């Protein structure tokens, strides 16, 4: 979208439905978790790192850290 000004929510993640098919997903970066209602789906993946994010609750962050995920 060459004219996207960053103001809209066209790229906001609202659901992680189907993410389980991305079996080799290791890192998430530049994500806005604010609108996602099913972040728990990510707990089933073998993610190693979550970097540069917003909207991740302290409870979710704690679970990721307990799983050994680097959250920065």
N, C-alpha and C. Protein backbone atom coordinates (compact mmCIF):
# COMPACT_ATOMS: atom_id res chain seq x y z
N UNK A 1 0.85 -1.17 0.00
CA UNK A 1 0.00 0.00 0.00
C UNK A 1 0.90 1.24 0.00
N UNK A 2 1.25 1.72 -1.16
CA UNK A 2 2.19 2.84 -1.23
C UNK A 2 1.68 4.14 -0.61
N UNK A 3 0.38 4.32 -0.49
CA UNK A 3 -0.16 5.56 0.08
C UNK A 3 -0.60 5.41 1.53
N UNK A 4 -0.26 4.28 2.17
CA UNK A 4 -0.66 4.06 3.55
C UNK A 4 0.10 5.01 4.46
N UNK A 5 -0.61 5.70 5.32
CA UNK A 5 0.02 6.70 6.18
C UNK A 5 0.21 6.20 7.62
N UNK A 6 -0.12 4.95 7.88
CA UNK A 6 0.06 4.39 9.21
C UNK A 6 -1.06 4.71 10.17
N UNK A 7 -2.05 5.43 9.72
CA UNK A 7 -3.15 5.85 10.60
C UNK A 7 -4.30 4.86 10.66
N UNK A 8 -4.45 4.05 9.65
CA UNK A 8 -5.57 3.11 9.61
C UNK A 8 -5.26 1.82 10.33
N UNK A 9 -6.23 0.93 10.40
CA UNK A 9 -6.03 -0.35 11.06
C UNK A 9 -6.06 -1.51 10.07
N UNK A 10 -5.71 -1.23 8.83
CA UNK A 10 -5.74 -2.25 7.79
C UNK A 10 -4.86 -3.45 8.12
N UNK A 11 -3.79 -3.22 8.87
CA UNK A 11 -2.85 -4.29 9.17
C UNK A 11 -2.93 -4.74 10.62
N UNK A 12 -3.95 -4.31 11.34
CA UNK A 12 -4.12 -4.71 12.74
C UNK A 12 -4.52 -6.18 12.79
N UNK A 13 -3.83 -6.93 13.63
CA UNK A 13 -4.14 -8.35 13.80
C UNK A 13 -5.32 -8.47 14.75
N UNK A 14 -6.39 -9.07 14.26
CA UNK A 14 -7.58 -9.25 15.08
C UNK A 14 -7.71 -10.67 15.58
N UNK A 15 -7.05 -11.61 14.89
CA UNK A 15 -7.13 -13.01 15.27
C UNK A 15 -5.88 -13.75 14.81
N UNK A 16 -5.47 -14.72 15.61
CA UNK A 16 -4.36 -15.59 15.24
C UNK A 16 -4.90 -16.94 14.76
N UNK A 17 -6.14 -16.97 14.36
CA UNK A 17 -6.75 -18.19 13.85
C UNK A 17 -5.95 -18.71 12.67
N UNK A 18 -5.59 -19.98 12.72
CA UNK A 18 -4.83 -20.61 11.64
C UNK A 18 -3.32 -20.51 11.79
N UNK A 19 -2.85 -19.79 12.81
CA UNK A 19 -1.41 -19.60 12.98
C UNK A 19 -0.70 -20.93 13.23
N UNK A 20 -1.41 -21.93 13.70
CA UNK A 20 -0.79 -23.22 14.00
C UNK A 20 -0.20 -23.91 12.78
N UNK A 21 -0.60 -23.50 11.59
CA UNK A 21 -0.02 -24.13 10.39
C UNK A 21 1.35 -23.56 10.04
N UNK A 22 1.75 -22.50 10.71
CA UNK A 22 3.08 -21.92 10.48
C UNK A 22 4.04 -22.58 11.47
N UNK A 23 4.37 -23.84 11.21
CA UNK A 23 5.12 -24.65 12.18
C UNK A 23 6.56 -24.20 12.39
N UNK A 24 7.13 -23.46 11.46
CA UNK A 24 8.52 -23.03 11.58
C UNK A 24 8.65 -21.58 12.07
N UNK A 25 7.57 -21.00 12.54
CA UNK A 25 7.60 -19.63 13.03
C UNK A 25 8.43 -19.56 14.30
N UNK A 26 9.49 -18.76 14.28
CA UNK A 26 10.38 -18.65 15.44
C UNK A 26 10.40 -17.26 16.05
N UNK A 27 10.09 -16.23 15.27
CA UNK A 27 10.21 -14.87 15.76
C UNK A 27 9.05 -14.02 15.25
N UNK A 28 8.51 -13.20 16.15
CA UNK A 28 7.49 -12.22 15.81
C UNK A 28 8.07 -10.84 16.11
N UNK A 29 7.88 -9.91 15.20
CA UNK A 29 8.42 -8.58 15.41
C UNK A 29 7.49 -7.53 14.83
N UNK A 30 7.48 -6.38 15.49
CA UNK A 30 6.66 -5.24 15.06
C UNK A 30 5.18 -5.59 15.04
N UNK A 31 4.70 -6.21 16.11
CA UNK A 31 3.30 -6.60 16.18
C UNK A 31 2.54 -5.74 17.18
N UNK A 32 1.31 -5.47 16.83
CA UNK A 32 0.39 -4.79 17.72
C UNK A 32 -0.64 -5.82 18.16
N UNK A 33 -0.53 -6.26 19.40
CA UNK A 33 -1.43 -7.28 19.94
C UNK A 33 -2.73 -6.69 20.48
N UNK A 34 -2.89 -5.39 20.41
CA UNK A 34 -4.01 -4.70 21.03
C UNK A 34 -5.37 -5.26 20.61
N UNK A 35 -5.57 -5.55 19.35
CA UNK A 35 -6.88 -5.98 18.85
C UNK A 35 -7.05 -7.49 18.83
N UNK A 36 -5.98 -8.25 19.04
CA UNK A 36 -6.05 -9.72 18.97
C UNK A 36 -6.73 -10.27 20.21
N UNK A 37 -7.71 -11.11 20.00
CA UNK A 37 -8.47 -11.67 21.11
C UNK A 37 -8.04 -13.10 21.46
N UNK A 38 -7.15 -13.70 20.66
CA UNK A 38 -6.79 -15.11 20.86
C UNK A 38 -5.28 -15.33 20.86
N UNK A 39 -4.59 -14.50 21.61
CA UNK A 39 -3.13 -14.58 21.69
C UNK A 39 -2.69 -15.95 22.21
N UNK A 40 -3.52 -16.60 22.99
CA UNK A 40 -3.19 -17.90 23.56
C UNK A 40 -2.83 -18.93 22.49
N UNK A 41 -3.31 -18.75 21.27
CA UNK A 41 -2.97 -19.67 20.18
C UNK A 41 -1.46 -19.71 19.94
N UNK A 42 -0.79 -18.62 20.23
CA UNK A 42 0.67 -18.55 20.03
C UNK A 42 1.42 -19.41 21.04
N UNK A 43 0.80 -19.74 22.17
CA UNK A 43 1.46 -20.54 23.19
C UNK A 43 1.79 -21.95 22.69
N UNK A 44 1.07 -22.40 21.68
CA UNK A 44 1.26 -23.76 21.16
C UNK A 44 2.39 -23.85 20.14
N UNK A 45 2.94 -22.70 19.75
CA UNK A 45 4.01 -22.69 18.76
C UNK A 45 5.37 -22.71 19.43
N UNK A 46 6.39 -22.94 18.64
CA UNK A 46 7.75 -22.98 19.16
C UNK A 46 8.46 -21.64 18.92
N UNK A 47 7.81 -20.56 19.33
CA UNK A 47 8.36 -19.22 19.14
C UNK A 47 9.54 -19.03 20.09
N UNK A 48 10.59 -18.43 19.58
CA UNK A 48 11.79 -18.18 20.38
C UNK A 48 11.90 -16.73 20.82
N UNK A 49 11.31 -15.80 20.04
CA UNK A 49 11.49 -14.39 20.35
C UNK A 49 10.31 -13.56 19.87
N UNK A 50 9.94 -12.58 20.69
CA UNK A 50 8.95 -11.57 20.33
C UNK A 50 9.63 -10.23 20.55
N UNK A 51 9.82 -9.48 19.48
CA UNK A 51 10.52 -8.21 19.59
C UNK A 51 9.68 -7.07 19.06
N UNK A 52 9.87 -5.92 19.61
CA UNK A 52 9.15 -4.69 19.21
C UNK A 52 7.66 -4.94 19.02
N UNK A 53 6.96 -4.84 20.11
CA UNK A 53 5.52 -5.11 20.13
C UNK A 53 4.82 -4.08 20.99
N UNK A 54 3.51 -4.08 20.91
CA UNK A 54 2.70 -3.30 21.84
C UNK A 54 1.41 -4.06 22.07
N UNK A 55 0.77 -3.78 23.18
CA UNK A 55 -0.53 -4.37 23.47
C UNK A 55 -0.50 -5.77 24.05
N UNK A 56 0.69 -6.28 24.39
CA UNK A 56 0.78 -7.61 24.99
C UNK A 56 0.59 -7.45 26.50
N UNK A 57 -0.39 -8.13 27.05
CA UNK A 57 -0.68 -7.98 28.48
C UNK A 57 0.46 -8.56 29.31
N UNK A 58 0.56 -8.11 30.54
CA UNK A 58 1.59 -8.63 31.44
C UNK A 58 1.40 -10.13 31.68
N UNK A 59 0.14 -10.58 31.73
CA UNK A 59 -0.12 -12.01 31.92
C UNK A 59 0.40 -12.83 30.75
N UNK A 60 0.12 -12.37 29.52
CA UNK A 60 0.61 -13.08 28.35
C UNK A 60 2.13 -13.03 28.28
N UNK A 61 2.68 -11.87 28.59
CA UNK A 61 4.14 -11.72 28.57
C UNK A 61 4.78 -12.70 29.56
N UNK A 62 4.19 -12.83 30.74
CA UNK A 62 4.71 -13.74 31.76
C UNK A 62 4.71 -15.18 31.25
N UNK A 63 3.63 -15.60 30.59
CA UNK A 63 3.55 -16.96 30.06
C UNK A 63 4.64 -17.18 29.02
N UNK A 64 4.81 -16.22 28.12
CA UNK A 64 5.86 -16.37 27.11
C UNK A 64 7.24 -16.50 27.75
N UNK A 65 7.51 -15.66 28.73
CA UNK A 65 8.82 -15.71 29.40
C UNK A 65 9.01 -17.05 30.11
N UNK A 66 7.96 -17.55 30.75
CA UNK A 66 8.04 -18.86 31.41
C UNK A 66 8.28 -19.99 30.40
N UNK A 67 7.83 -19.77 29.16
CA UNK A 67 8.06 -20.76 28.09
C UNK A 67 9.47 -20.64 27.51
N UNK A 68 10.23 -19.65 27.94
CA UNK A 68 11.58 -19.46 27.43
C UNK A 68 11.66 -18.54 26.23
N UNK A 69 10.57 -17.84 25.94
CA UNK A 69 10.55 -16.91 24.81
C UNK A 69 11.21 -15.59 25.24
N UNK A 70 12.11 -15.11 24.41
CA UNK A 70 12.74 -13.82 24.66
C UNK A 70 11.74 -12.73 24.24
N UNK A 71 11.29 -11.93 25.20
CA UNK A 71 10.32 -10.86 24.93
C UNK A 71 11.02 -9.53 25.17
N UNK A 72 11.17 -8.77 24.08
CA UNK A 72 11.88 -7.49 24.22
C UNK A 72 11.12 -6.35 23.58
